[in-house]
């Protein structure tokens, strides 16, 4: 009786010299298909809002000012968003993946660094969506996360895997903060 060899994981071969990777081709395709002026304008606006998580932190501070009964919860949520952003910066400095640089990809916004993995915008947006969903009682994730992830691709500043990793990191940090807040309410 013979046993079958275990299946090997499929490994993407590196692109031939002069040939763009799968992620670069995907990025160029996204820009060609949806990178119209109104979409690019919206993506730039989202980029400015999400830079250094500033827009999400401001929302947390507004929540603390308006919802005085849960001021501490809103401030904890904003601190969680800041922590998620900080975690993404730390991972970027370890991984050191460069942003997309290919003639088929147009970079449409300035960035504070040349490092790409993970997307800090995706991280802080996802963390904010998860935490603020718990505070508002509304599921904000579908309305906030996909547009931010797509905006980073439309602007040509991240690979698809950068935004997915950022969203995953933000979901983990946001989930931890949300559980802390929930535990605090029930104790």
Protein backbone atom coordinates (compact mmCIF):
# COMPACT_ATOMS: atom_id res chain seq x y z
CA UNK A 1 0.00 0.00 0.00
CA UNK A 2 1.46 3.34 -1.04
CA UNK A 3 0.66 6.56 0.65
CA UNK A 4 0.28 9.77 -1.22
CA UNK A 5 2.84 12.44 -0.57
CA UNK A 6 1.49 15.44 1.31
CA UNK A 7 0.32 18.22 -0.92
CA UNK A 8 2.85 20.98 -1.30
CA UNK A 9 1.70 24.51 -0.70
CA UNK A 10 1.53 26.49 -3.89
CA UNK A 11 4.32 29.03 -3.97
CA UNK A 12 4.16 31.94 -6.36
CA UNK A 13 7.25 32.05 -8.49
CA UNK A 14 9.01 35.38 -8.47
CA UNK A 15 8.19 37.37 -11.58
CA UNK A 16 10.60 37.18 -14.47
CA UNK A 17 12.91 40.19 -14.72
CA UNK A 18 10.95 43.13 -16.06
CA UNK A 19 7.60 41.46 -15.31
CA UNK A 20 5.41 42.94 -12.55
CA UNK A 21 4.27 40.75 -9.65
CA UNK A 22 0.67 39.59 -9.26
CA UNK A 23 0.07 42.30 -6.66
CA UNK A 24 1.45 45.03 -8.93
CA UNK A 25 -0.74 43.80 -11.77
CA UNK A 26 -3.78 43.81 -9.45
CA UNK A 27 -2.96 47.32 -8.27
CA UNK A 28 -2.56 48.63 -11.82
CA UNK A 29 -5.84 46.97 -12.80
CA UNK A 30 -7.69 48.58 -9.86
CA UNK A 31 -6.32 51.99 -10.81
CA UNK A 32 -7.35 51.53 -14.44
CA UNK A 33 -10.86 50.33 -13.61
CA UNK A 34 -11.95 52.66 -10.83
CA UNK A 35 -9.31 55.39 -10.61
CA UNK A 36 -11.56 58.09 -12.07
CA UNK A 37 -11.22 61.73 -10.87
CA UNK A 38 -14.17 61.64 -8.41
CA UNK A 39 -12.92 58.38 -6.88
CA UNK A 40 -9.36 59.72 -6.64
CA UNK A 41 -10.62 62.92 -4.96
CA UNK A 42 -12.58 60.88 -2.42
CA UNK A 43 -9.59 58.59 -1.84
CA UNK A 44 -7.33 61.60 -1.22
CA UNK A 45 -9.85 63.00 1.27
CA UNK A 46 -9.92 59.66 3.07
CA UNK A 47 -6.14 59.59 3.04
CA UNK A 48 -5.93 62.98 4.74
CA UNK A 49 -8.62 62.01 7.28
CA UNK A 50 -6.80 58.78 8.15
CA UNK A 51 -3.24 60.16 8.21
CA UNK A 52 -1.69 59.24 11.56
CA UNK A 53 -5.22 58.09 12.59
CA UNK A 54 -6.03 61.76 13.24
CA UNK A 55 -9.64 61.64 12.01
CA UNK A 56 -10.42 58.51 14.04
CA UNK A 57 -8.82 60.00 17.14
CA UNK A 58 -10.85 63.18 16.67
CA UNK A 59 -14.05 61.12 16.51
CA UNK A 60 -13.11 59.45 19.79
CA UNK A 61 -12.56 62.87 21.39
CA UNK A 62 -15.87 64.17 20.05
CA UNK A 63 -17.58 61.06 21.43
CA UNK A 64 -15.98 61.74 24.83
CA UNK A 65 -17.17 65.35 24.76
CA UNK A 66 -20.73 64.54 23.66
CA UNK A 67 -21.36 61.27 25.54
CA UNK A 68 -20.32 62.34 29.03
CA UNK A 69 -21.73 59.21 30.67
CA UNK A 70 -19.26 57.10 28.68
CA UNK A 71 -16.43 59.63 28.38
CA UNK A 72 -13.88 57.17 29.73
CA UNK A 73 -15.03 54.50 27.26
CA UNK A 74 -14.64 56.88 24.31
CA UNK A 75 -11.19 57.91 25.51
CA UNK A 76 -10.23 54.26 25.95
CA UNK A 77 -11.50 53.58 22.43
CA UNK A 78 -9.45 56.45 21.02
CA UNK A 79 -6.41 55.16 22.91
CA UNK A 80 -7.03 51.75 21.31
CA UNK A 81 -7.07 53.35 17.86
CA UNK A 82 -3.78 55.09 18.68
CA UNK A 83 -2.34 51.77 19.89
CA UNK A 84 -3.40 50.05 16.65
CA UNK A 85 -1.75 52.80 14.62
CA UNK A 86 1.40 52.49 16.72
CA UNK A 87 1.43 48.72 16.24
CA UNK A 88 1.24 49.14 12.46
CA UNK A 89 4.19 51.55 12.54
CA UNK A 90 6.20 49.06 14.62
CA UNK A 91 5.46 46.23 12.18
CA UNK A 92 6.39 48.48 9.23
CA UNK A 93 9.78 49.18 10.78
CA UNK A 94 10.45 45.49 11.27
CA UNK A 95 9.20 44.28 7.86
CA UNK A 96 10.55 47.25 5.86
CA UNK A 97 8.59 46.47 2.69
CA UNK A 98 8.83 49.30 0.18
CA UNK A 99 5.76 50.93 -1.31
CA UNK A 100 4.79 49.97 -4.86
CA UNK A 101 7.20 51.29 -7.47
CA UNK A 102 6.31 50.20 -10.95
CA UNK A 103 5.68 52.16 -14.12
CA UNK A 104 2.19 50.63 -14.32
CA UNK A 105 1.19 52.08 -10.92
CA UNK A 106 0.63 55.79 -10.44
CA UNK A 107 1.21 57.16 -6.93
CA UNK A 108 -1.49 59.77 -6.38
CA UNK A 109 -0.79 61.04 -2.85
CA UNK A 110 2.25 61.81 -0.70
CA UNK A 111 3.08 59.47 2.15
CA UNK A 112 5.03 60.08 5.37
CA UNK A 113 7.33 57.11 4.74
CA UNK A 114 8.39 54.72 2.02
CA UNK A 115 7.32 51.70 4.06
CA UNK A 116 4.24 49.81 3.00
CA UNK A 117 3.43 46.74 5.14
CA UNK A 118 0.97 46.87 6.80
CA UNK A 119 -1.21 49.81 5.80
CA UNK A 120 -1.54 52.06 8.84
CA UNK A 121 -4.69 53.62 7.35
CA UNK A 122 -6.26 50.15 7.12
CA UNK A 123 -5.13 49.30 10.65
CA UNK A 124 -6.45 52.42 12.37
CA UNK A 125 -9.66 52.49 10.33
CA UNK A 126 -10.49 48.89 11.16
CA UNK A 127 -9.65 49.36 14.84
CA UNK A 128 -11.83 52.49 14.96
CA UNK A 129 -14.70 50.76 13.17
CA UNK A 130 -14.62 47.79 15.56
CA UNK A 131 -14.30 49.87 18.75
CA UNK A 132 -16.74 52.60 17.75
CA UNK A 133 -19.26 49.96 16.61
CA UNK A 134 -19.36 48.75 20.20
CA UNK A 135 -19.81 52.29 21.51
CA UNK A 136 -22.50 53.33 19.03
CA UNK A 137 -24.40 50.04 18.84
CA UNK A 138 -24.11 50.09 15.03
CA UNK A 139 -21.94 47.87 12.86
CA UNK A 140 -19.65 50.46 11.28
CA UNK A 141 -17.17 47.98 9.80
CA UNK A 142 -18.86 47.44 6.39
CA UNK A 143 -19.34 51.18 5.87
CA UNK A 144 -15.86 52.30 6.92
CA UNK A 145 -13.30 49.58 6.26
CA UNK A 146 -13.75 48.58 2.58
CA UNK A 147 -13.72 52.17 1.27
CA UNK A 148 -10.49 52.96 3.16
CA UNK A 149 -8.82 49.76 1.96
CA UNK A 150 -9.78 50.42 -1.65
CA UNK A 151 -8.69 54.07 -1.37
CA UNK A 152 -5.12 52.98 -0.54
CA UNK A 153 -5.04 50.86 -3.69
CA UNK A 154 -6.60 53.53 -5.90
CA UNK A 155 -3.93 55.96 -4.70
CA UNK A 156 -1.20 53.43 -5.55
CA UNK A 157 0.49 53.55 -2.14
CA UNK A 158 -0.13 49.97 -0.95
CA UNK A 159 -0.20 46.44 -2.24
CA UNK A 160 -3.40 44.44 -1.67
CA UNK A 161 -1.64 42.33 0.98
CA UNK A 162 -0.67 45.54 2.86
CA UNK A 163 -4.29 46.62 3.30
CA UNK A 164 -5.46 43.11 4.20
CA UNK A 165 -2.74 42.75 6.84
CA UNK A 166 -3.54 46.21 8.18
CA UNK A 167 -7.22 45.35 8.44
CA UNK A 168 -6.38 42.11 10.26
CA UNK A 169 -4.10 43.90 12.73
CA UNK A 170 -6.73 46.60 13.32
CA UNK A 171 -9.42 43.97 13.87
CA UNK A 172 -7.30 42.22 16.49
CA UNK A 173 -6.45 45.41 18.40
CA UNK A 174 -9.99 46.77 18.05
CA UNK A 175 -11.44 43.46 19.22
CA UNK A 176 -9.24 43.45 22.32
CA UNK A 177 -10.22 47.02 23.19
CA UNK A 178 -13.89 46.28 22.60
CA UNK A 179 -13.72 43.24 24.91
CA UNK A 180 -12.03 45.34 27.60
CA UNK A 181 -14.79 47.94 27.35
CA UNK A 182 -17.50 45.28 27.44
CA UNK A 183 -15.95 43.60 30.50
CA UNK A 184 -15.77 46.96 32.22
CA UNK A 185 -19.49 47.57 31.62
CA UNK A 186 -20.52 44.18 32.99
CA UNK A 187 -18.40 44.37 36.14
